[in-house]
Amino acid sequence: MNLRVRVVRCACTGGHHWFADIDDADDLQPDDPFWFVDGCSTQSRALEVACAQLRVLSRARQLTRVQEANLVHV
């Protein structure tokens, strides 16, 4: 799997902030990433947090998408 980090500046209600997610680069419909963070105050902070999480995910045997994780109740 070829994971990628995407960082986007959002201009939503409440002001500008940064969003980052991690997904499969080959996913044709990137609407359900493996991980995301929202509300970062700077681009560099969003990238820093995402890269730290990418290191964690790169060691995982199996990845679960965000929406799948919300369906699992342990």
N, C-alpha and C. Protein backbone atom coordinates (compact mmCIF):
# COMPACT_ATOMS: atom_id res chain seq x y z
N MET A 1 0.84 -1.18 0.00
CA MET A 1 0.00 0.00 0.00
C MET A 1 0.89 1.24 0.00
N ASN A 2 0.47 2.22 -0.74
CA ASN A 2 1.22 3.46 -0.88
C ASN A 2 0.47 4.57 -0.16
N LEU A 3 0.85 4.86 1.10
CA LEU A 3 0.15 5.87 1.88
C LEU A 3 0.65 7.27 1.53
N ARG A 4 -0.24 8.24 1.68
CA ARG A 4 0.13 9.63 1.43
C ARG A 4 -0.52 10.52 2.49
N VAL A 5 0.12 11.64 2.73
CA VAL A 5 -0.41 12.67 3.63
C VAL A 5 -0.94 13.81 2.78
N ARG A 6 -2.11 14.28 3.12
CA ARG A 6 -2.70 15.45 2.43
C ARG A 6 -2.98 16.51 3.48
N VAL A 7 -2.55 17.73 3.22
CA VAL A 7 -2.77 18.86 4.12
C VAL A 7 -3.54 19.93 3.35
N VAL A 8 -4.64 20.41 3.94
CA VAL A 8 -5.52 21.34 3.26
C VAL A 8 -5.87 22.49 4.20
N ARG A 9 -5.90 23.71 3.67
CA ARG A 9 -6.33 24.86 4.44
C ARG A 9 -7.85 25.00 4.29
N CYS A 10 -8.56 25.08 5.39
CA CYS A 10 -10.01 25.19 5.38
C CYS A 10 -10.44 26.58 5.81
N ALA A 11 -11.45 27.08 5.17
CA ALA A 11 -12.02 28.38 5.53
C ALA A 11 -13.48 28.16 5.92
N CYS A 12 -13.65 27.50 7.03
CA CYS A 12 -14.99 27.16 7.51
C CYS A 12 -15.47 28.22 8.52
N THR A 13 -16.69 28.07 8.95
CA THR A 13 -17.21 28.92 10.01
C THR A 13 -16.30 28.80 11.22
N GLY A 14 -15.92 29.90 11.76
CA GLY A 14 -15.02 29.89 12.90
C GLY A 14 -13.59 30.25 12.53
N GLY A 15 -13.35 30.53 11.27
CA GLY A 15 -12.03 30.97 10.86
C GLY A 15 -11.25 29.92 10.10
N HIS A 16 -10.06 30.33 9.66
CA HIS A 16 -9.19 29.44 8.89
C HIS A 16 -8.47 28.47 9.81
N HIS A 17 -8.31 27.25 9.35
CA HIS A 17 -7.53 26.25 10.07
C HIS A 17 -7.03 25.23 9.06
N TRP A 18 -6.23 24.29 9.52
CA TRP A 18 -5.62 23.29 8.65
C TRP A 18 -6.14 21.90 9.01
N PHE A 19 -6.32 21.09 7.98
CA PHE A 19 -6.82 19.72 8.07
C PHE A 19 -5.77 18.82 7.42
N ALA A 20 -5.54 17.64 7.97
CA ALA A 20 -4.63 16.67 7.35
C ALA A 20 -5.25 15.29 7.42
N ASP A 21 -4.99 14.48 6.41
CA ASP A 21 -5.42 13.09 6.47
C ASP A 21 -4.37 12.19 5.85
N ILE A 22 -4.51 10.90 6.13
CA ILE A 22 -3.63 9.88 5.57
C ILE A 22 -4.52 8.87 4.86
N ASP A 23 -4.18 8.60 3.60
CA ASP A 23 -4.99 7.68 2.81
C ASP A 23 -4.08 6.93 1.85
N ASP A 24 -4.67 5.96 1.18
CA ASP A 24 -3.98 5.20 0.15
C ASP A 24 -3.88 6.08 -1.10
N ALA A 25 -2.70 6.28 -1.60
CA ALA A 25 -2.50 7.15 -2.77
C ALA A 25 -3.22 6.62 -4.00
N ASP A 26 -3.51 5.33 -4.03
CA ASP A 26 -4.20 4.73 -5.18
C ASP A 26 -5.71 4.72 -5.02
N ASP A 27 -6.22 5.25 -3.91
CA ASP A 27 -7.67 5.28 -3.67
C ASP A 27 -8.30 6.30 -4.60
N LEU A 28 -9.18 5.84 -5.47
CA LEU A 28 -9.81 6.74 -6.44
C LEU A 28 -10.85 7.64 -5.81
N GLN A 29 -11.35 7.28 -4.64
CA GLN A 29 -12.37 8.08 -3.97
C GLN A 29 -11.93 8.29 -2.51
N PRO A 30 -11.11 9.29 -2.26
CA PRO A 30 -10.50 9.47 -0.93
C PRO A 30 -11.45 10.11 0.09
N ASP A 31 -12.60 9.49 0.30
CA ASP A 31 -13.58 10.05 1.23
C ASP A 31 -13.57 9.37 2.59
N ASP A 32 -12.78 8.34 2.75
CA ASP A 32 -12.70 7.63 4.02
C ASP A 32 -11.24 7.28 4.31
N PRO A 33 -10.48 8.22 4.87
CA PRO A 33 -9.06 8.00 5.10
C PRO A 33 -8.82 7.03 6.26
N PHE A 34 -7.56 6.68 6.44
CA PHE A 34 -7.16 5.83 7.56
C PHE A 34 -7.01 6.65 8.84
N TRP A 35 -6.80 7.95 8.70
CA TRP A 35 -6.60 8.83 9.86
C TRP A 35 -6.80 10.26 9.41
N PHE A 36 -7.23 11.13 10.33
CA PHE A 36 -7.31 12.56 10.02
C PHE A 36 -7.20 13.39 11.29
N VAL A 37 -6.85 14.64 11.11
CA VAL A 37 -6.84 15.62 12.19
C VAL A 37 -7.39 16.92 11.61
N ASP A 38 -8.16 17.63 12.40
CA ASP A 38 -8.75 18.89 11.96
C ASP A 38 -8.49 19.94 13.02
N GLY A 39 -8.48 21.18 12.61
CA GLY A 39 -8.36 22.28 13.56
C GLY A 39 -6.94 22.68 13.91
N CYS A 40 -5.96 22.30 13.10
CA CYS A 40 -4.58 22.73 13.36
C CYS A 40 -4.45 24.21 13.02
N SER A 41 -3.71 24.92 13.82
CA SER A 41 -3.58 26.36 13.63
C SER A 41 -2.62 26.75 12.51
N THR A 42 -1.67 25.87 12.18
CA THR A 42 -0.72 26.17 11.11
C THR A 42 -0.55 24.95 10.20
N GLN A 43 -0.06 25.22 9.01
CA GLN A 43 0.21 24.15 8.05
C GLN A 43 1.31 23.23 8.58
N SER A 44 2.35 23.83 9.15
CA SER A 44 3.46 23.02 9.65
C SER A 44 3.03 22.12 10.80
N ARG A 45 2.12 22.59 11.64
CA ARG A 45 1.63 21.75 12.74
C ARG A 45 0.82 20.58 12.19
N ALA A 46 -0.04 20.83 11.21
CA ALA A 46 -0.83 19.75 10.61
C ALA A 46 0.09 18.71 9.97
N LEU A 47 1.12 19.16 9.28
CA LEU A 47 2.06 18.25 8.64
C LEU A 47 2.87 17.47 9.67
N GLU A 48 3.28 18.14 10.73
CA GLU A 48 4.04 17.48 11.79
C GLU A 48 3.23 16.35 12.44
N VAL A 49 1.98 16.63 12.78
CA VAL A 49 1.12 15.64 13.41
C VAL A 49 0.86 14.48 12.45
N ALA A 50 0.59 14.80 11.19
CA ALA A 50 0.31 13.76 10.19
C ALA A 50 1.52 12.86 9.95
N CYS A 51 2.70 13.43 9.88
CA CYS A 51 3.90 12.63 9.66
C CYS A 51 4.19 11.71 10.85
N ALA A 52 3.93 12.19 12.05
CA ALA A 52 4.10 11.35 13.23
C ALA A 52 3.13 10.16 13.18
N GLN A 53 1.90 10.42 12.77
CA GLN A 53 0.92 9.34 12.65
C GLN A 53 1.27 8.40 11.50
N LEU A 54 1.82 8.93 10.43
CA LEU A 54 2.24 8.10 9.30
C LEU A 54 3.30 7.09 9.73
N ARG A 55 4.21 7.50 10.60
CA ARG A 55 5.22 6.57 11.14
C ARG A 55 4.54 5.44 11.91
N VAL A 56 3.51 5.78 12.69
CA VAL A 56 2.78 4.75 13.45
C VAL A 56 2.06 3.79 12.49
N LEU A 57 1.35 4.35 11.51
CA LEU A 57 0.60 3.52 10.57
C LEU A 57 1.51 2.64 9.71
N SER A 58 2.71 3.10 9.44
CA SER A 58 3.62 2.33 8.59
C SER A 58 4.08 1.04 9.28
N ARG A 59 3.94 0.97 10.59
CA ARG A 59 4.31 -0.24 11.33
C ARG A 59 3.13 -1.18 11.56
N ALA A 60 1.92 -0.76 11.21
CA ALA A 60 0.73 -1.56 11.46
C ALA A 60 0.63 -2.71 10.47
N ARG A 61 0.13 -3.82 10.94
CA ARG A 61 -0.08 -4.98 10.07
C ARG A 61 -1.32 -4.81 9.21
N GLN A 62 -2.33 -4.18 9.78
CA GLN A 62 -3.58 -3.97 9.08
C GLN A 62 -4.10 -2.58 9.41
N LEU A 63 -4.61 -1.89 8.42
CA LEU A 63 -5.12 -0.54 8.61
C LEU A 63 -6.65 -0.54 8.56
N THR A 64 -7.24 0.27 9.41
CA THR A 64 -8.69 0.40 9.45
C THR A 64 -9.04 1.84 9.07
N ARG A 65 -9.99 1.97 8.18
CA ARG A 65 -10.43 3.31 7.77
C ARG A 65 -11.28 3.94 8.87
N VAL A 66 -11.35 5.26 8.88
CA VAL A 66 -12.04 6.00 9.93
C VAL A 66 -13.49 5.54 10.07
N GLN A 67 -14.22 5.44 8.98
CA GLN A 67 -15.62 5.04 9.06
C GLN A 67 -15.78 3.61 9.54
N GLU A 68 -14.86 2.72 9.17
CA GLU A 68 -14.89 1.34 9.65
C GLU A 68 -14.67 1.31 11.16
N ALA A 69 -13.74 2.12 11.64
CA ALA A 69 -13.42 2.14 13.06
C ALA A 69 -14.64 2.60 13.89
N ASN A 70 -15.43 3.49 13.33
CA ASN A 70 -16.62 3.97 14.04
C ASN A 70 -17.69 2.91 14.14
N LEU A 71 -17.62 1.89 13.29
CA LEU A 71 -18.60 0.80 13.32
C LEU A 71 -18.24 -0.29 14.30
N VAL A 72 -16.96 -0.34 14.70
CA VAL A 72 -16.48 -1.38 15.61
C VAL A 72 -16.64 -0.91 17.05
N HIS A 73 -17.32 -1.69 17.85
CA HIS A 73 -17.50 -1.37 19.28
C HIS A 73 -16.82 -2.45 20.09
N VAL A 74 -15.74 -2.07 20.79
CA VAL A 74 -14.99 -3.04 21.58
C VAL A 74 -15.37 -2.92 23.03
